[in-house]
Amino acid sequence: MAVRSIRLYGDPILFAVSEPIAQIDDGVRGLIADLCETTREPGRAGVAACQIGVGLRAFSLNIDGDVSYVINPEIVELGGELREVSEGCLSVPDLFFPTPRYSYAKVRGMNLDGETIEIEGEGLMAQALQHESDHLDGWVYVRRLTGENRKAAMSAIRESSWFRR
């Protein structure tokens, strides 16, 4: 297990659709261990595999100290109110913008034993499920922003010290 470096906005892997995991092997077990360890770092609610440089469909979550993961997740239900919530991203450090998210989400995928699992929730859990699922489809949260929020986010990214020009 290792805490892996987070890829930053501008890295092409963050904009690519991640590939499904076809077989659970030692490489996938190591990926999940690294994802979970990376997500345990303070202030982290989730990490998608692409954020650590692996283009496979998996992510880990850390909601209220409960670390979990999903392999090949699919959003199977969104519900409740669609509202703007303050959102940030490890790949877009120190920037937070109002992002439209549903108040409820359910994801279905599998665990390391190949068993079907579902994770669902409201509030931060719903937001994290949507955010991490977006990463696997090549979407960084700023892509969900509109109007002035989008302009402000892109300007802030270009002006940040971490953005590679």
C-alpha atoms as a PDB file:
ATOM      1  CA  MET A   1       0.000   0.000   0.000  1.00  0.00           C
ATOM      2  CA  ALA A   2       1.171   3.480  -0.816  1.00  0.00           C
ATOM      3  CA  VAL A   3      -0.107   7.020  -0.793  1.00  0.00           C
ATOM      4  CA  ARG A   4       0.066   8.005  -4.448  1.00  0.00           C
ATOM      5  CA  SER A   5       0.560  11.468  -5.948  1.00  0.00           C
ATOM      6  CA  ILE A   6      -2.527  13.219  -7.277  1.00  0.00           C
ATOM      7  CA  ARG A   7      -2.562  14.244 -10.945  1.00  0.00           C
ATOM      8  CA  LEU A   8      -3.444  17.897 -11.499  1.00  0.00           C
ATOM      9  CA  TYR A   9      -5.842  19.589 -13.897  1.00  0.00           C
ATOM     10  CA  GLY A  10      -4.288  19.628 -17.352  1.00  0.00           C
ATOM     11  CA  ASP A  11      -2.983  16.050 -17.125  1.00  0.00           C
ATOM     12  CA  PRO A  12      -4.549  14.200 -20.100  1.00  0.00           C
ATOM     13  CA  ILE A  13      -5.518  11.148 -18.004  1.00  0.00           C
ATOM     14  CA  LEU A  14      -8.070  13.287 -16.149  1.00  0.00           C
ATOM     15  CA  PHE A  15      -9.945  13.928 -19.403  1.00  0.00           C
ATOM     16  CA  ALA A  16      -9.969  10.342 -20.709  1.00  0.00           C
ATOM     17  CA  VAL A  17     -12.730   7.797 -20.123  1.00  0.00           C
ATOM     18  CA  SER A  18     -11.383   5.073 -17.815  1.00  0.00           C
ATOM     19  CA  GLU A  19     -11.457   1.448 -18.942  1.00  0.00           C
ATOM     20  CA  PRO A  20     -13.527  -1.202 -17.132  1.00  0.00           C
ATOM     21  CA  ILE A  21     -11.645  -3.663 -14.969  1.00  0.00           C
ATOM     22  CA  ALA A  22     -12.025  -7.027 -16.688  1.00  0.00           C
ATOM     23  CA  GLN A  23     -10.312  -9.248 -14.145  1.00  0.00           C
ATOM     24  CA  ILE A  24      -9.482  -8.974 -10.452  1.00  0.00           C
ATOM     25  CA  ASP A  25      -5.799  -9.792 -10.114  1.00  0.00           C
ATOM     26  CA  ASP A  26      -2.896  -8.725  -7.903  1.00  0.00           C
ATOM     27  CA  GLY A  27      -2.525  -5.493  -9.877  1.00  0.00           C
ATOM     28  CA  VAL A  28      -6.146  -4.533  -9.191  1.00  0.00           C
ATOM     29  CA  ARG A  29      -5.801  -5.526  -5.531  1.00  0.00           C
ATOM     30  CA  GLY A  30      -2.751  -3.268  -5.289  1.00  0.00           C
ATOM     31  CA  LEU A  31      -4.603  -0.435  -7.032  1.00  0.00           C
ATOM     32  CA  ILE A  32      -7.494  -0.655  -4.566  1.00  0.00           C
ATOM     33  CA  ALA A  33      -5.099  -0.753  -1.609  1.00  0.00           C
ATOM     34  CA  ASP A  34      -3.308   2.341  -2.930  1.00  0.00           C
ATOM     35  CA  LEU A  35      -6.597   4.142  -3.626  1.00  0.00           C
ATOM     36  CA  CYS A  36      -7.822   3.486  -0.092  1.00  0.00           C
ATOM     37  CA  GLU A  37      -4.511   4.511   1.455  1.00  0.00           C
ATOM     38  CA  THR A  38      -4.412   7.690  -0.651  1.00  0.00           C
ATOM     39  CA  THR A  39      -7.985   8.527   0.340  1.00  0.00           C
ATOM     40  CA  ARG A  40      -7.216   8.122   4.053  1.00  0.00           C
ATOM     41  CA  GLU A  41      -5.074  11.283   3.939  1.00  0.00           C
ATOM     42  CA  PRO A  42      -6.696  14.150   5.869  1.00  0.00           C
ATOM     43  CA  GLY A  43      -9.262  16.250   4.026  1.00  0.00           C
ATOM     44  CA  ARG A  44     -10.012  13.693   1.327  1.00  0.00           C
ATOM     45  CA  ALA A  45     -13.517  12.435   0.552  1.00  0.00           C
ATOM     46  CA  GLY A  46     -12.560  10.338  -2.458  1.00  0.00           C
ATOM     47  CA  VAL A  47      -9.981   9.503  -5.092  1.00  0.00           C
ATOM     48  CA  ALA A  48     -10.581   8.058  -8.558  1.00  0.00           C
ATOM     49  CA  ALA A  49      -7.978   5.792 -10.144  1.00  0.00           C
ATOM     50  CA  CYS A  50      -7.280   8.300 -12.917  1.00  0.00           C
ATOM     51  CA  GLN A  51      -6.287  10.847 -10.277  1.00  0.00           C
ATOM     52  CA  ILE A  52      -3.347   8.614  -9.365  1.00  0.00           C
ATOM     53  CA  GLY A  53      -2.497   7.978 -13.008  1.00  0.00           C
ATOM     54  CA  VAL A  54      -4.372   4.715 -13.625  1.00  0.00           C
ATOM     55  CA  GLY A  55      -7.023   4.735 -16.354  1.00  0.00           C
ATOM     56  CA  LEU A  56      -9.212   2.032 -14.819  1.00  0.00           C
ATOM     57  CA  ARG A  57     -12.768   2.299 -13.460  1.00  0.00           C
ATOM     58  CA  ALA A  58     -12.360   2.307  -9.685  1.00  0.00           C
ATOM     59  CA  PHE A  59     -12.553   4.823  -6.887  1.00  0.00           C
ATOM     60  CA  SER A  60     -12.312   4.990  -3.139  1.00  0.00           C
ATOM     61  CA  LEU A  61     -14.284   7.085  -0.667  1.00  0.00           C
ATOM     62  CA  ASN A  62     -13.660   8.407   2.827  1.00  0.00           C
ATOM     63  CA  ILE A  63     -16.936   9.616   4.274  1.00  0.00           C
ATOM     64  CA  ASP A  64     -16.937  10.317   8.015  1.00  0.00           C
ATOM     65  CA  GLY A  65     -13.834   8.151   8.452  1.00  0.00           C
ATOM     66  CA  ASP A  66     -15.375   5.137   6.688  1.00  0.00           C
ATOM     67  CA  VAL A  67     -13.100   4.202   3.776  1.00  0.00           C
ATOM     68  CA  SER A  68     -14.681   2.143   0.984  1.00  0.00           C
ATOM     69  CA  TYR A  69     -14.144   1.456  -2.715  1.00  0.00           C
ATOM     70  CA  VAL A  70     -16.052   0.439  -5.827  1.00  0.00           C
ATOM     71  CA  ILE A  71     -14.774  -1.346  -8.921  1.00  0.00           C
ATOM     72  CA  ASN A  72     -16.527  -0.608 -12.231  1.00  0.00           C
ATOM     73  CA  PRO A  73     -19.063   1.736 -10.617  1.00  0.00           C
ATOM     74  CA  GLU A  74     -22.178   2.856 -12.434  1.00  0.00           C
ATOM     75  CA  ILE A  75     -24.595   5.464 -11.182  1.00  0.00           C
ATOM     76  CA  VAL A  76     -27.922   3.655 -11.103  1.00  0.00           C
ATOM     77  CA  GLU A  77     -30.022   6.321  -9.400  1.00  0.00           C
ATOM     78  CA  LEU A  78     -29.961  10.048  -8.807  1.00  0.00           C
ATOM     79  CA  GLY A  79     -32.707  11.753  -6.907  1.00  0.00           C
ATOM     80  CA  GLY A  80     -33.818  14.440  -4.597  1.00  0.00           C
ATOM     81  CA  GLU A  81     -33.107  18.053  -5.284  1.00  0.00           C
ATOM     82  CA  LEU A  82     -30.590  19.195  -7.875  1.00  0.00           C
ATOM     83  CA  ARG A  83     -28.769  21.974  -6.062  1.00  0.00           C
ATOM     84  CA  GLU A  84     -25.504  23.831  -6.166  1.00  0.00           C
ATOM     85  CA  VAL A  85     -23.039  22.717  -3.495  1.00  0.00           C
ATOM     86  CA  SER A  86     -19.564  24.036  -2.801  1.00  0.00           C
ATOM     87  CA  GLU A  87     -17.209  21.552  -4.388  1.00  0.00           C
ATOM     88  CA  GLY A  88     -13.490  21.180  -4.732  1.00  0.00           C
ATOM     89  CA  CYS A  89     -11.170  18.535  -6.111  1.00  0.00           C
ATOM     90  CA  LEU A  90      -7.713  17.241  -5.266  1.00  0.00           C
ATOM     91  CA  SER A  91      -6.840  17.648  -8.950  1.00  0.00           C
ATOM     92  CA  VAL A  92      -7.875  21.324  -8.788  1.00  0.00           C
ATOM     93  CA  PRO A  93      -6.278  22.225  -5.438  1.00  0.00           C
ATOM     94  CA  ASP A  94      -7.564  25.014  -3.215  1.00  0.00           C
ATOM     95  CA  LEU A  95     -10.405  26.038  -5.540  1.00  0.00           C
ATOM     96  CA  PHE A  96     -14.077  25.600  -4.637  1.00  0.00           C
ATOM     97  CA  PHE A  97     -17.084  26.479  -6.776  1.00  0.00           C
ATOM     98  CA  PRO A  98     -20.868  25.952  -6.616  1.00  0.00           C
ATOM     99  CA  THR A  99     -21.470  22.724  -8.538  1.00  0.00           C
ATOM    100  CA  PRO A 100     -24.862  21.241  -9.448  1.00  0.00           C
ATOM    101  CA  ARG A 101     -25.327  17.883  -7.699  1.00  0.00           C
ATOM    102  CA  TYR A 102     -28.322  15.749  -6.778  1.00  0.00           C
ATOM    103  CA  SER A 103     -28.953  15.310  -3.075  1.00  0.00           C
ATOM    104  CA  TYR A 104     -29.174  11.491  -3.411  1.00  0.00           C
ATOM    105  CA  ALA A 105     -27.085   9.034  -5.437  1.00  0.00           C
ATOM    106  CA  LYS A 106     -26.709   5.261  -5.719  1.00  0.00           C
ATOM    107  CA  VAL A 107     -23.777   3.500  -7.375  1.00  0.00           C
ATOM    108  CA  ARG A 108     -23.546  -0.181  -8.264  1.00  0.00           C
ATOM    109  CA  GLY A 109     -20.254  -1.960  -8.897  1.00  0.00           C
ATOM    110  CA  MET A 110     -18.255  -4.783  -7.431  1.00  0.00           C
ATOM    111  CA  ASN A 111     -15.786  -5.542  -4.681  1.00  0.00           C
ATOM    112  CA  LEU A 112     -12.478  -7.416  -4.836  1.00  0.00           C
ATOM    113  CA  ASP A 113     -14.332 -10.721  -4.523  1.00  0.00           C
ATOM    114  CA  GLY A 114     -16.270  -9.940  -7.713  1.00  0.00           C
ATOM    115  CA  GLU A 115     -19.514  -9.535  -5.768  1.00  0.00           C
ATOM    116  CA  THR A 116     -22.037  -6.874  -6.748  1.00  0.00           C
ATOM    117  CA  ILE A 117     -22.200  -4.043  -4.239  1.00  0.00           C
ATOM    118  CA  GLU A 118     -24.219  -0.864  -3.969  1.00  0.00           C
ATOM    119  CA  ILE A 119     -23.287   2.335  -2.186  1.00  0.00           C
ATOM    120  CA  GLU A 120     -25.884   5.030  -1.728  1.00  0.00           C
ATOM    121  CA  GLY A 121     -26.370   8.118   0.303  1.00  0.00           C
ATOM    122  CA  GLU A 122     -27.330  11.720   0.657  1.00  0.00           C
ATOM    123  CA  GLY A 123     -25.320  14.852   1.307  1.00  0.00           C
ATOM    124  CA  LEU A 124     -21.552  14.394   1.127  1.00  0.00           C
ATOM    125  CA  MET A 125     -21.897  10.718   0.145  1.00  0.00           C
ATOM    126  CA  ALA A 126     -24.143  11.610  -2.814  1.00  0.00           C
ATOM    127  CA  GLN A 127     -21.795  14.399  -3.854  1.00  0.00           C
ATOM    128  CA  ALA A 128     -18.723  12.129  -3.643  1.00  0.00           C
ATOM    129  CA  LEU A 129     -20.395   9.327  -5.621  1.00  0.00           C
ATOM    130  CA  GLN A 130     -21.261  11.754  -8.411  1.00  0.00           C
ATOM    131  CA  HIS A 131     -17.860  13.508  -8.308  1.00  0.00           C
ATOM    132  CA  GLU A 132     -15.791  10.302  -8.442  1.00  0.00           C
ATOM    133  CA  SER A 133     -18.030   8.736 -11.105  1.00  0.00           C
ATOM    134  CA  ASP A 134     -17.528  11.873 -13.203  1.00  0.00           C
ATOM    135  CA  HIS A 135     -13.750  11.405 -12.969  1.00  0.00           C
ATOM    136  CA  LEU A 136     -14.049   7.924 -14.475  1.00  0.00           C
ATOM    137  CA  ASP A 137     -15.903   9.432 -17.442  1.00  0.00           C
ATOM    138  CA  GLY A 138     -13.187  12.045 -18.004  1.00  0.00           C
ATOM    139  CA  TRP A 139     -15.038  14.895 -16.280  1.00  0.00           C
ATOM    140  CA  VAL A 140     -13.380  17.164 -13.751  1.00  0.00           C
ATOM    141  CA  TYR A 141     -16.015  19.007 -11.705  1.00  0.00           C
ATOM    142  CA  VAL A 142     -15.337  22.397 -13.311  1.00  0.00           C
ATOM    143  CA  ARG A 143     -16.857  20.962 -16.505  1.00  0.00           C
ATOM    144  CA  ARG A 144     -20.223  20.906 -14.708  1.00  0.00           C
ATOM    145  CA  LEU A 145     -20.039  24.625 -13.952  1.00  0.00           C
ATOM    146  CA  THR A 146     -21.923  27.155 -16.039  1.00  0.00           C
ATOM    147  CA  GLY A 147     -21.817  30.857 -16.799  1.00  0.00           C
ATOM    148  CA  GLU A 148     -19.822  33.093 -14.496  1.00  0.00           C
ATOM    149  CA  ASN A 149     -18.883  30.186 -12.209  1.00  0.00           C
ATOM    150  CA  ARG A 150     -17.216  28.395 -15.120  1.00  0.00           C
ATOM    151  CA  LYS A 151     -15.391  31.542 -16.239  1.00  0.00           C
ATOM    152  CA  ALA A 152     -14.182  32.203 -12.691  1.00  0.00           C
ATOM    153  CA  ALA A 153     -13.003  28.610 -12.259  1.00  0.00           C
ATOM    154  CA  MET A 154     -11.055  28.538 -15.518  1.00  0.00           C
ATOM    155  CA  SER A 155      -9.469  31.893 -14.748  1.00  0.00           C
ATOM    156  CA  ALA A 156      -8.480  30.734 -11.254  1.00  0.00           C
ATOM    157  CA  ILE A 157      -6.969  27.528 -12.682  1.00  0.00           C
ATOM    158  CA  ARG A 158      -4.903  29.451 -15.249  1.00  0.00           C
ATOM    159  CA  GLU A 159      -3.670  31.831 -12.530  1.00  0.00           C
ATOM    160  CA  SER A 160      -2.833  29.109  -9.986  1.00  0.00           C
ATOM    161  CA  SER A 161       0.758  28.288  -9.118  1.00  0.00           C
ATOM    162  CA  TRP A 162       0.275  24.574  -9.764  1.00  0.00           C
ATOM    163  CA  PHE A 163      -1.176  24.791 -13.299  1.00  0.00           C
ATOM    164  CA  ARG A 164       1.305  23.729 -15.967  1.00  0.00           C
ATOM    165  CA  ARG A 165       1.163  26.052 -18.929  1.00  0.00           C
END
